[in-house]
Amino acid sequence: FVQSDDVSQEEKAVFIRDTAIKYLDDIFHSDGRTEVLVE
């Protein structure tokens, strides 16, 4: 997706932001479990 010339910088940033939020949410709701944090 981010390598596509058909996608605007803003569309790429939105997708990356949403992905980062998903991963941050996983981290913040991991209850400190090491395997979830590492992944």
PDB file of all heavy atoms in Angstrom:
ATOM      1  N   PHE A   1       0.823  -1.205   0.000  1.00  0.00           N
ATOM      2  CA  PHE A   1       0.000   0.000   0.000  1.00  0.00           C
ATOM      3  C   PHE A   1       0.860   1.258   0.000  1.00  0.00           C
ATOM      4  O   PHE A   1       0.634   2.178  -0.780  1.00  0.00           O
ATOM      5  CB  PHE A   1      -0.927  -0.030   1.220  1.00  0.00           C
ATOM      6  CG  PHE A   1      -1.871   1.121   1.304  1.00  0.00           C
ATOM      7  CD1 PHE A   1      -3.026   1.151   0.540  1.00  0.00           C
ATOM      8  CD2 PHE A   1      -1.631   2.179   2.171  1.00  0.00           C
ATOM      9  CE1 PHE A   1      -3.916   2.211   0.623  1.00  0.00           C
ATOM     10  CE2 PHE A   1      -2.507   3.246   2.266  1.00  0.00           C
ATOM     11  CZ  PHE A   1      -3.651   3.258   1.488  1.00  0.00           C
ATOM     12  N   VAL A   2       1.869   1.314   0.877  1.00  0.00           N
ATOM     13  CA  VAL A   2       2.672   2.540   0.972  1.00  0.00           C
ATOM     14  C   VAL A   2       3.634   2.693  -0.208  1.00  0.00           C
ATOM     15  O   VAL A   2       4.139   3.789  -0.426  1.00  0.00           O
ATOM     16  CB  VAL A   2       3.436   2.646   2.318  1.00  0.00           C
ATOM     17  CG1 VAL A   2       2.467   2.664   3.483  1.00  0.00           C
ATOM     18  CG2 VAL A   2       4.464   1.566   2.480  1.00  0.00           C
ATOM     19  N   GLN A   3       3.866   1.633  -0.964  1.00  0.00           N
ATOM     20  CA  GLN A   3       4.731   1.738  -2.139  1.00  0.00           C
ATOM     21  C   GLN A   3       3.964   2.100  -3.409  1.00  0.00           C
ATOM     22  O   GLN A   3       4.557   2.395  -4.431  1.00  0.00           O
ATOM     23  CB  GLN A   3       5.485   0.418  -2.356  1.00  0.00           C
ATOM     24  CG  GLN A   3       6.510   0.143  -1.280  1.00  0.00           C
ATOM     25  CD  GLN A   3       7.100  -1.254  -1.371  1.00  0.00           C
ATOM     26  OE1 GLN A   3       6.738  -2.051  -2.223  1.00  0.00           O
ATOM     27  NE2 GLN A   3       8.026  -1.547  -0.469  1.00  0.00           N
ATOM     28  N   SER A   4       2.638   2.114  -3.321  1.00  0.00           N
ATOM     29  CA  SER A   4       1.813   2.395  -4.490  1.00  0.00           C
ATOM     30  C   SER A   4       1.899   3.861  -4.889  1.00  0.00           C
ATOM     31  O   SER A   4       1.774   4.756  -4.049  1.00  0.00           O
ATOM     32  CB  SER A   4       0.355   2.024  -4.206  1.00  0.00           C
ATOM     33  OG  SER A   4      -0.467   2.434  -5.276  1.00  0.00           O
ATOM     34  N   ASP A   5       2.100   4.103  -6.175  1.00  0.00           N
ATOM     35  CA  ASP A   5       2.117   5.473  -6.692  1.00  0.00           C
ATOM     36  C   ASP A   5       0.700   6.034  -6.813  1.00  0.00           C
ATOM     37  O   ASP A   5       0.525   7.238  -7.011  1.00  0.00           O
ATOM     38  CB  ASP A   5       2.797   5.522  -8.062  1.00  0.00           C
ATOM     39  CG  ASP A   5       4.278   5.191  -7.975  1.00  0.00           C
ATOM     40  OD1 ASP A   5       4.879   5.420  -6.897  1.00  0.00           O
ATOM     41  OD2 ASP A   5       4.834   4.690  -8.975  1.00  0.00           O
ATOM     42  N   ASP A   6      -0.315   5.154  -6.720  1.00  0.00           N
ATOM     43  CA  ASP A   6      -1.706   5.582  -6.861  1.00  0.00           C
ATOM     44  C   ASP A   6      -2.309   6.073  -5.550  1.00  0.00           C
ATOM     45  O   ASP A   6      -3.450   6.508  -5.512  1.00  0.00           O
ATOM     46  CB  ASP A   6      -2.565   4.419  -7.389  1.00  0.00           C
ATOM     47  CG  ASP A   6      -2.125   3.967  -8.774  1.00  0.00           C
ATOM     48  OD1 ASP A   6      -1.658   4.817  -9.557  1.00  0.00           O
ATOM     49  OD2 ASP A   6      -2.246   2.766  -9.067  1.00  0.00           O
ATOM     50  N   VAL A   7      -1.549   5.989  -4.464  1.00  0.00           N
ATOM     51  CA  VAL A   7      -2.045   6.353  -3.136  1.00  0.00           C
ATOM     52  C   VAL A   7      -1.387   7.661  -2.722  1.00  0.00           C
ATOM     53  O   VAL A   7      -0.172   7.808  -2.811  1.00  0.00           O
ATOM     54  CB  VAL A   7      -1.724   5.239  -2.107  1.00  0.00           C
ATOM     55  CG1 VAL A   7      -2.286   5.592  -0.746  1.00  0.00           C
ATOM     56  CG2 VAL A   7      -2.260   3.897  -2.580  1.00  0.00           C
ATOM     57  N   SER A   8      -2.197   8.615  -2.247  1.00  0.00           N
ATOM     58  CA  SER A   8      -1.649   9.903  -1.817  1.00  0.00           C
ATOM     59  C   SER A   8      -0.887   9.748  -0.498  1.00  0.00           C
ATOM     60  O   SER A   8      -1.093   8.785   0.246  1.00  0.00           O
ATOM     61  CB  SER A   8      -2.776  10.926  -1.633  1.00  0.00           C
ATOM     62  OG  SER A   8      -3.530  10.616  -0.472  1.00  0.00           O
ATOM     63  N   GLN A   9      -0.040  10.718  -0.203  1.00  0.00           N
ATOM     64  CA  GLN A   9       0.716  10.705   1.050  1.00  0.00           C
ATOM     65  C   GLN A   9      -0.250  10.704   2.236  1.00  0.00           C
ATOM     66  O   GLN A   9      -0.022  10.018   3.226  1.00  0.00           O
ATOM     67  CB  GLN A   9       1.659  11.904   1.122  1.00  0.00           C
ATOM     68  CG  GLN A   9       2.545  11.890   2.352  1.00  0.00           C
ATOM     69  CD  GLN A   9       3.422  13.122   2.450  1.00  0.00           C
ATOM     70  OE1 GLN A   9       3.049  14.203   2.025  1.00  0.00           O
ATOM     71  NE2 GLN A   9       4.601  12.952   3.032  1.00  0.00           N
ATOM     72  N   GLU A  10      -1.326  11.452   2.123  1.00  0.00           N
ATOM     73  CA  GLU A  10      -2.308  11.507   3.207  1.00  0.00           C
ATOM     74  C   GLU A  10      -2.987  10.150   3.415  1.00  0.00           C
ATOM     75  O   GLU A  10      -3.158   9.707   4.553  1.00  0.00           O
ATOM     76  CB  GLU A  10      -3.353  12.578   2.911  1.00  0.00           C
ATOM     77  CG  GLU A  10      -4.316  12.800   4.051  1.00  0.00           C
ATOM     78  CD  GLU A  10      -5.297  13.929   3.777  1.00  0.00           C
ATOM     79  OE1 GLU A  10      -5.029  14.782   2.915  1.00  0.00           O
ATOM     80  OE2 GLU A  10      -6.339  13.949   4.439  1.00  0.00           O
ATOM     81  N   GLU A  11      -3.367   9.468   2.322  1.00  0.00           N
ATOM     82  CA  GLU A  11      -3.995   8.142   2.444  1.00  0.00           C
ATOM     83  C   GLU A  11      -3.035   7.140   3.083  1.00  0.00           C
ATOM     84  O   GLU A  11      -3.436   6.329   3.922  1.00  0.00           O
ATOM     85  CB  GLU A  11      -4.442   7.627   1.074  1.00  0.00           C
ATOM     86  CG  GLU A  11      -5.621   8.372   0.491  1.00  0.00           C
ATOM     87  CD  GLU A  11      -5.868   8.022  -0.970  1.00  0.00           C
ATOM     88  OE1 GLU A  11      -4.896   7.994  -1.753  1.00  0.00           O
ATOM     89  OE2 GLU A  11      -7.032   7.769  -1.309  1.00  0.00           O
ATOM     90  N   LYS A  12      -1.766   7.227   2.693  1.00  0.00           N
ATOM     91  CA  LYS A  12      -0.762   6.345   3.291  1.00  0.00           C
ATOM     92  C   LYS A  12      -0.622   6.632   4.775  1.00  0.00           C
ATOM     93  O   LYS A  12      -0.582   5.715   5.602  1.00  0.00           O
ATOM     94  CB  LYS A  12       0.586   6.519   2.587  1.00  0.00           C
ATOM     95  CG  LYS A  12       0.605   6.014   1.158  1.00  0.00           C
ATOM     96  CD  LYS A  12       1.916   6.337   0.465  1.00  0.00           C
ATOM     97  CE  LYS A  12       1.872   5.937  -1.000  1.00  0.00           C
ATOM     98  NZ  LYS A  12       3.128   6.225  -1.707  1.00  0.00           N
ATOM     99  N   ALA A  13      -0.555   7.911   5.117  1.00  0.00           N
ATOM    100  CA  ALA A  13      -0.389   8.292   6.522  1.00  0.00           C
ATOM    101  C   ALA A  13      -1.590   7.866   7.356  1.00  0.00           C
ATOM    102  O   ALA A  13      -1.432   7.423   8.495  1.00  0.00           O
ATOM    103  CB  ALA A  13      -0.152   9.797   6.632  1.00  0.00           C
ATOM    104  N   VAL A  14      -2.791   7.967   6.794  1.00  0.00           N
ATOM    105  CA  VAL A  14      -3.998   7.532   7.513  1.00  0.00           C
ATOM    106  C   VAL A  14      -3.931   6.038   7.804  1.00  0.00           C
ATOM    107  O   VAL A  14      -4.202   5.593   8.919  1.00  0.00           O
ATOM    108  CB  VAL A  14      -5.277   7.888   6.724  1.00  0.00           C
ATOM    109  CG1 VAL A  14      -6.494   7.149   7.268  1.00  0.00           C
ATOM    110  CG2 VAL A  14      -5.522   9.386   6.744  1.00  0.00           C
ATOM    111  N   PHE A  15      -3.547   5.256   6.794  1.00  0.00           N
ATOM    112  CA  PHE A  15      -3.474   3.804   7.003  1.00  0.00           C
ATOM    113  C   PHE A  15      -2.401   3.462   8.037  1.00  0.00           C
ATOM    114  O   PHE A  15      -2.622   2.631   8.918  1.00  0.00           O
ATOM    115  CB  PHE A  15      -3.192   3.069   5.686  1.00  0.00           C
ATOM    116  CG  PHE A  15      -3.204   1.579   5.845  1.00  0.00           C
ATOM    117  CD1 PHE A  15      -4.397   0.891   5.936  1.00  0.00           C
ATOM    118  CD2 PHE A  15      -2.019   0.864   5.938  1.00  0.00           C
ATOM    119  CE1 PHE A  15      -4.418  -0.486   6.104  1.00  0.00           C
ATOM    120  CE2 PHE A  15      -2.026  -0.505   6.104  1.00  0.00           C
ATOM    121  CZ  PHE A  15      -3.231  -1.190   6.186  1.00  0.00           C
ATOM    122  N   ILE A  16      -1.257   4.113   7.939  1.00  0.00           N
ATOM    123  CA  ILE A  16      -0.176   3.855   8.900  1.00  0.00           C
ATOM    124  C   ILE A  16      -0.611   4.285  10.298  1.00  0.00           C
ATOM    125  O   ILE A  16      -0.369   3.579  11.279  1.00  0.00           O
ATOM    126  CB  ILE A  16       1.122   4.561   8.465  1.00  0.00           C
ATOM    127  CG1 ILE A  16       1.662   3.896   7.189  1.00  0.00           C
ATOM    128  CG2 ILE A  16       2.171   4.507   9.561  1.00  0.00           C
ATOM    129  CD1 ILE A  16       2.779   4.667   6.514  1.00  0.00           C
ATOM    130  N   ARG A  17      -1.276   5.435  10.400  1.00  0.00           N
ATOM    131  CA  ARG A  17      -1.771   5.889  11.704  1.00  0.00           C
ATOM    132  C   ARG A  17      -2.728   4.864  12.300  1.00  0.00           C
ATOM    133  O   ARG A  17      -2.605   4.478  13.463  1.00  0.00           O
ATOM    134  CB  ARG A  17      -2.478   7.233  11.579  1.00  0.00           C
ATOM    135  CG  ARG A  17      -3.039   7.725  12.923  1.00  0.00           C
ATOM    136  CD  ARG A  17      -4.180   8.694  12.803  1.00  0.00           C
ATOM    137  NE  ARG A  17      -5.302   8.094  12.115  1.00  0.00           N
ATOM    138  CZ  ARG A  17      -6.248   8.789  11.512  1.00  0.00           C
ATOM    139  NH1 ARG A  17      -6.194  10.107  11.486  1.00  0.00           N
ATOM    140  NH2 ARG A  17      -7.246   8.199  10.915  1.00  0.00           N
ATOM    141  N   ASP A  18      -3.678   4.395  11.508  1.00  0.00           N
ATOM    142  CA  ASP A  18      -4.650   3.426  12.000  1.00  0.00           C
ATOM    143  C   ASP A  18      -3.969   2.121  12.416  1.00  0.00           C
ATOM    144  O   ASP A  18      -4.349   1.502  13.408  1.00  0.00           O
ATOM    145  CB  ASP A  18      -5.717   3.155  10.942  1.00  0.00           C
ATOM    146  CG  ASP A  18      -6.605   4.365  10.693  1.00  0.00           C
ATOM    147  OD1 ASP A  18      -6.570   5.330  11.496  1.00  0.00           O
ATOM    148  OD2 ASP A  18      -7.331   4.360   9.676  1.00  0.00           O
ATOM    149  N   THR A  19      -2.956   1.723  11.659  1.00  0.00           N
ATOM    150  CA  THR A  19      -2.206   0.513  12.006  1.00  0.00           C
ATOM    151  C   THR A  19      -1.438   0.721  13.305  1.00  0.00           C
ATOM    152  O   THR A  19      -1.449  -0.140  14.185  1.00  0.00           O
ATOM    153  CB  THR A  19      -1.241   0.142  10.860  1.00  0.00           C
ATOM    154  OG1 THR A  19      -2.019  -0.131   9.682  1.00  0.00           O
ATOM    155  CG2 THR A  19      -0.413  -1.087  11.200  1.00  0.00           C
ATOM    156  N   ALA A  20      -0.786   1.872  13.428  1.00  0.00           N
ATOM    157  CA  ALA A  20      -0.032   2.161  14.647  1.00  0.00           C
ATOM    158  C   ALA A  20      -0.961   2.208  15.859  1.00  0.00           C
ATOM    159  O   ALA A  20      -0.623   1.699  16.932  1.00  0.00           O
ATOM    160  CB  ALA A  20       0.725   3.479  14.503  1.00  0.00           C
ATOM    161  N   ILE A  21      -2.139   2.788  15.691  1.00  0.00           N
ATOM    162  CA  ILE A  21      -3.102   2.840  16.792  1.00  0.00           C
ATOM    163  C   ILE A  21      -3.510   1.430  17.199  1.00  0.00           C
ATOM    164  O   ILE A  21      -3.597   1.121  18.387  1.00  0.00           O
ATOM    165  CB  ILE A  21      -4.337   3.688  16.407  1.00  0.00           C
ATOM    166  CG1 ILE A  21      -3.958   5.168  16.395  1.00  0.00           C
ATOM    167  CG2 ILE A  21      -5.510   3.432  17.351  1.00  0.00           C
ATOM    168  CD1 ILE A  21      -5.033   6.081  15.854  1.00  0.00           C
ATOM    169  N   LYS A  22      -3.718   0.552  16.226  1.00  0.00           N
ATOM    170  CA  LYS A  22      -4.077  -0.828  16.544  1.00  0.00           C
ATOM    171  C   LYS A  22      -2.967  -1.493  17.359  1.00  0.00           C
ATOM    172  O   LYS A  22      -3.219  -2.139  18.371  1.00  0.00           O
ATOM    173  CB  LYS A  22      -4.337  -1.615  15.265  1.00  0.00           C
ATOM    174  CG  LYS A  22      -4.778  -3.045  15.534  1.00  0.00           C
ATOM    175  CD  LYS A  22      -4.015  -4.000  14.645  1.00  0.00           C
ATOM    176  CE  LYS A  22      -4.330  -5.424  14.919  1.00  0.00           C
ATOM    177  NZ  LYS A  22      -3.835  -5.943  16.179  1.00  0.00           N
ATOM    178  N   TYR A  23      -1.709  -1.313  16.939  1.00  0.00           N
ATOM    179  CA  TYR A  23      -0.598  -1.938  17.653  1.00  0.00           C
ATOM    180  C   TYR A  23      -0.391  -1.307  19.029  1.00  0.00           C
ATOM    181  O   TYR A  23      -0.103  -2.008  19.993  1.00  0.00           O
ATOM    182  CB  TYR A  23       0.684  -1.875  16.823  1.00  0.00           C
ATOM    183  CG  TYR A  23       0.618  -2.712  15.557  1.00  0.00           C
ATOM    184  CD1 TYR A  23       1.331  -2.354  14.427  1.00  0.00           C
ATOM    185  CD2 TYR A  23      -0.147  -3.860  15.482  1.00  0.00           C
ATOM    186  CE1 TYR A  23       1.273  -3.115  13.265  1.00  0.00           C
ATOM    187  CE2 TYR A  23      -0.209  -4.611  14.327  1.00  0.00           C
ATOM    188  CZ  TYR A  23       0.497  -4.239  13.217  1.00  0.00           C
ATOM    189  OH  TYR A  23       0.446  -5.001  12.082  1.00  0.00           O
ATOM    190  N   LEU A  24      -0.535   0.016  19.122  1.00  0.00           N
ATOM    191  CA  LEU A  24      -0.423   0.669  20.429  1.00  0.00           C
ATOM    192  C   LEU A  24      -1.535   0.197  21.368  1.00  0.00           C
ATOM    193  O   LEU A  24      -1.306  -0.035  22.557  1.00  0.00           O
ATOM    194  CB  LEU A  24      -0.464   2.191  20.281  1.00  0.00           C
ATOM    195  CG  LEU A  24       0.783   2.849  19.700  1.00  0.00           C
ATOM    196  CD1 LEU A  24       0.528   4.321  19.413  1.00  0.00           C
ATOM    197  CD2 LEU A  24       1.973   2.672  20.621  1.00  0.00           C
ATOM    198  N   ASP A  25      -2.728   0.034  20.819  1.00  0.00           N
ATOM    199  CA  ASP A  25      -3.836  -0.475  21.613  1.00  0.00           C
ATOM    200  C   ASP A  25      -3.515  -1.876  22.136  1.00  0.00           C
ATOM    201  O   ASP A  25      -3.774  -2.187  23.302  1.00  0.00           O
ATOM    202  CB  ASP A  25      -5.113  -0.490  20.772  1.00  0.00           C
ATOM    203  CG  ASP A  25      -6.341  -0.820  21.592  1.00  0.00           C
ATOM    204  OD1 ASP A  25      -6.570  -0.166  22.623  1.00  0.00           O
ATOM    205  OD2 ASP A  25      -7.084  -1.747  21.194  1.00  0.00           O
ATOM    206  N   ASP A  26      -2.934  -2.718  21.272  1.00  0.00           N
ATOM    207  CA  ASP A  26      -2.523  -4.059  21.708  1.00  0.00           C
ATOM    208  C   ASP A  26      -1.527  -3.961  22.861  1.00  0.00           C
ATOM    209  O   ASP A  26      -1.620  -4.700  23.840  1.00  0.00           O
ATOM    210  CB  ASP A  26      -1.878  -4.845  20.555  1.00  0.00           C
ATOM    211  CG  ASP A  26      -2.862  -5.243  19.472  1.00  0.00           C
ATOM    212  OD1 ASP A  26      -4.094  -5.120  19.691  1.00  0.00           O
ATOM    213  OD2 ASP A  26      -2.408  -5.662  18.392  1.00  0.00           O
ATOM    214  N   ILE A  27      -0.563  -3.054  22.738  1.00  0.00           N
ATOM    215  CA  ILE A  27       0.453  -2.890  23.789  1.00  0.00           C
ATOM    216  C   ILE A  27      -0.182  -2.415  25.084  1.00  0.00           C
ATOM    217  O   ILE A  27       0.067  -2.966  26.155  1.00  0.00           O
ATOM    218  CB  ILE A  27       1.567  -1.920  23.331  1.00  0.00           C
ATOM    219  CG1 ILE A  27       2.417  -2.579  22.235  1.00  0.00           C
ATOM    220  CG2 ILE A  27       2.446  -1.494  24.495  1.00  0.00           C
ATOM    221  CD1 ILE A  27       3.377  -1.633  21.533  1.00  0.00           C
ATOM    222  N   PHE A  28      -1.035  -1.383  24.999  1.00  0.00           N
ATOM    223  CA  PHE A  28      -1.616  -0.810  26.204  1.00  0.00           C
ATOM    224  C   PHE A  28      -2.642  -1.734  26.861  1.00  0.00           C
ATOM    225  O   PHE A  28      -2.973  -1.565  28.025  1.00  0.00           O
ATOM    226  CB  PHE A  28      -2.223   0.559  25.914  1.00  0.00           C
ATOM    227  CG  PHE A  28      -1.208   1.666  25.949  1.00  0.00           C
ATOM    228  CD1 PHE A  28      -0.353   1.887  24.876  1.00  0.00           C
ATOM    229  CD2 PHE A  28      -1.083   2.477  27.058  1.00  0.00           C
ATOM    230  CE1 PHE A  28       0.599   2.891  24.907  1.00  0.00           C
ATOM    231  CE2 PHE A  28      -0.131   3.488  27.109  1.00  0.00           C
ATOM    232  CZ  PHE A  28       0.710   3.694  26.035  1.00  0.00           C
ATOM    233  N   HIS A  29      -3.147  -2.703  26.125  1.00  0.00           N
ATOM    234  CA  HIS A  29      -4.099  -3.660  26.692  1.00  0.00           C
ATOM    235  C   HIS A  29      -3.494  -5.049  26.833  1.00  0.00           C
ATOM    236  O   HIS A  29      -4.212  -6.038  26.925  1.00  0.00           O
ATOM    237  CB  HIS A  29      -5.373  -3.692  25.852  1.00  0.00           C
ATOM    238  CG  HIS A  29      -6.138  -2.412  25.927  1.00  0.00           C
ATOM    239  ND1 HIS A  29      -6.053  -1.445  24.965  1.00  0.00           N
ATOM    240  CD2 HIS A  29      -6.967  -1.919  26.884  1.00  0.00           C
ATOM    241  CE1 HIS A  29      -6.798  -0.419  25.302  1.00  0.00           C
ATOM    242  NE2 HIS A  29      -7.355  -0.664  26.464  1.00  0.00           N
ATOM    243  N   SER A  30      -2.181  -5.117  26.881  1.00  0.00           N
ATOM    244  CA  SER A  30      -1.488  -6.415  26.972  1.00  0.00           C
ATOM    245  C   SER A  30      -1.384  -6.925  28.396  1.00  0.00           C
ATOM    246  O   SER A  30      -0.960  -8.049  28.610  1.00  0.00           O
ATOM    247  CB  SER A  30      -0.076  -6.285  26.395  1.00  0.00           C
ATOM    248  OG  SER A  30       0.720  -5.473  27.254  1.00  0.00           O
ATOM    249  N   ASP A  31      -1.761  -6.096  29.367  1.00  0.00           N
ATOM    250  CA  ASP A  31      -1.605  -6.448  30.783  1.00  0.00           C
ATOM    251  C   ASP A  31      -0.165  -6.789  31.112  1.00  0.00           C
ATOM    252  O   ASP A  31       0.111  -7.584  32.010  1.00  0.00           O
ATOM    253  CB  ASP A  31      -2.521  -7.616  31.178  1.00  0.00           C
ATOM    254  CG  ASP A  31      -3.996  -7.270  31.013  1.00  0.00           C
ATOM    255  OD1 ASP A  31      -4.353  -6.102  31.240  1.00  0.00           O
ATOM    256  OD2 ASP A  31      -4.779  -8.173  30.662  1.00  0.00           O
ATOM    257  N   GLY A  32       0.779  -6.201  30.355  1.00  0.00           N
ATOM    258  CA  GLY A  32       2.200  -6.405  30.626  1.00  0.00           C
ATOM    259  C   GLY A  32       2.724  -7.771  30.217  1.00  0.00           C
ATOM    260  O   GLY A  32       3.859  -8.112  30.554  1.00  0.00           O
ATOM    261  N   ARG A  33       1.940  -8.561  29.482  1.00  0.00           N
ATOM    262  CA  ARG A  33       2.397  -9.888  29.054  1.00  0.00           C
ATOM    263  C   ARG A  33       3.532  -9.741  28.047  1.00  0.00           C
ATOM    264  O   ARG A  33       3.395  -9.102  27.017  1.00  0.00           O
ATOM    265  CB  ARG A  33       1.249 -10.695  28.446  1.00  0.00           C
ATOM    266  CG  ARG A  33       0.201 -11.089  29.484  1.00  0.00           C
ATOM    267  CD  ARG A  33      -0.899 -11.843  28.833  1.00  0.00           C
ATOM    268  NE  ARG A  33      -1.342 -11.047  27.687  1.00  0.00           N
ATOM    269  CZ  ARG A  33      -2.535 -11.124  27.157  1.00  0.00           C
ATOM    270  NH1 ARG A  33      -3.409 -11.959  27.593  1.00  0.00           N
ATOM    271  NH2 ARG A  33      -2.860 -10.371  26.129  1.00  0.00           N
ATOM    272  N   THR A  34       4.633 -10.340  28.364  1.00  0.00           N
ATOM    273  CA  THR A  34       5.854 -10.188  27.581  1.00  0.00           C
ATOM    274  C   THR A  34       5.673 -10.596  26.129  1.00  0.00           C
ATOM    275  O   THR A  34       6.114  -9.885  25.217  1.00  0.00           O
ATOM    276  CB  THR A  34       6.999 -11.007  28.216  1.00  0.00           C
ATOM    277  OG1 THR A  34       7.148 -10.588  29.564  1.00  0.00           O
ATOM    278  CG2 THR A  34       8.298 -10.819  27.476  1.00  0.00           C
ATOM    279  N   GLU A  35       5.010 -11.729  25.869  1.00  0.00           N
ATOM    280  CA  GLU A  35       4.875 -12.203  24.488  1.00  0.00           C
ATOM    281  C   GLU A  35       4.071 -11.237  23.628  1.00  0.00           C
ATOM    282  O   GLU A  35       4.382 -11.027  22.457  1.00  0.00           O
ATOM    283  CB  GLU A  35       4.282 -13.615  24.432  1.00  0.00           C
ATOM    284  CG  GLU A  35       2.836 -13.755  24.867  1.00  0.00           C
ATOM    285  CD  GLU A  35       2.620 -13.862  26.373  1.00  0.00           C
ATOM    286  OE1 GLU A  35       3.587 -13.805  27.150  1.00  0.00           O
ATOM    287  OE2 GLU A  35       1.452 -13.994  26.791  1.00  0.00           O
ATOM    288  N   VAL A  36       3.049 -10.609  24.205  1.00  0.00           N
ATOM    289  CA  VAL A  36       2.262  -9.628  23.455  1.00  0.00           C
ATOM    290  C   VAL A  36       3.095  -8.378  23.208  1.00  0.00           C
ATOM    291  O   VAL A  36       3.091  -7.823  22.106  1.00  0.00           O
ATOM    292  CB  VAL A  36       0.955  -9.276  24.209  1.00  0.00           C
ATOM    293  CG1 VAL A  36       0.199  -8.161  23.500  1.00  0.00           C
ATOM    294  CG2 VAL A  36       0.080 -10.509  24.357  1.00  0.00           C
ATOM    295  N   LEU A  37       3.834  -7.935  24.225  1.00  0.00           N
ATOM    296  CA  LEU A  37       4.680  -6.749  24.072  1.00  0.00           C
ATOM    297  C   LEU A  37       5.743  -6.956  23.001  1.00  0.00           C
ATOM    298  O   LEU A  37       5.946  -6.088  22.148  1.00  0.00           O
ATOM    299  CB  LEU A  37       5.344  -6.392  25.406  1.00  0.00           C
ATOM    300  CG  LEU A  37       4.423  -5.815  26.480  1.00  0.00           C
ATOM    301  CD1 LEU A  37       5.165  -5.675  27.799  1.00  0.00           C
ATOM    302  CD2 LEU A  37       3.865  -4.480  26.042  1.00  0.00           C
ATOM    303  N   VAL A  38       6.411  -8.110  23.027  1.00  0.00           N
ATOM    304  CA  VAL A  38       7.474  -8.384  22.051  1.00  0.00           C
ATOM    305  C   VAL A  38       6.902  -8.395  20.634  1.00  0.00           C
ATOM    306  O   VAL A  38       7.452  -7.763  19.721  1.00  0.00           O
ATOM    307  CB  VAL A  38       8.190  -9.716  22.382  1.00  0.00           C
ATOM    308  CG1 VAL A  38       9.088 -10.149  21.240  1.00  0.00           C
ATOM    309  CG2 VAL A  38       8.994  -9.579  23.666  1.00  0.00           C
ATOM    310  N   GLU A  39       5.783  -9.084  20.437  1.00  0.00           N
ATOM    311  CA  GLU A  39       5.173  -9.151  19.104  1.00  0.00           C
ATOM    312  C   GLU A  39       4.710  -7.769  18.651  1.00  0.00           C
ATOM    313  O   GLU A  39       4.969  -7.352  17.518  1.00  0.00           O
ATOM    314  CB  GLU A  39       3.984 -10.115  19.111  1.00  0.00           C
ATOM    315  CG  GLU A  39       3.314 -10.226  17.754  1.00  0.00           C
ATOM    316  CD  GLU A  39       2.106 -11.161  17.758  1.00  0.00           C
ATOM    317  OE1 GLU A  39       1.976 -11.975  18.693  1.00  0.00           O
ATOM    318  OE2 GLU A  39       1.320 -11.073  16.813  1.00  0.00           O
TER     319      GLU A  39
END
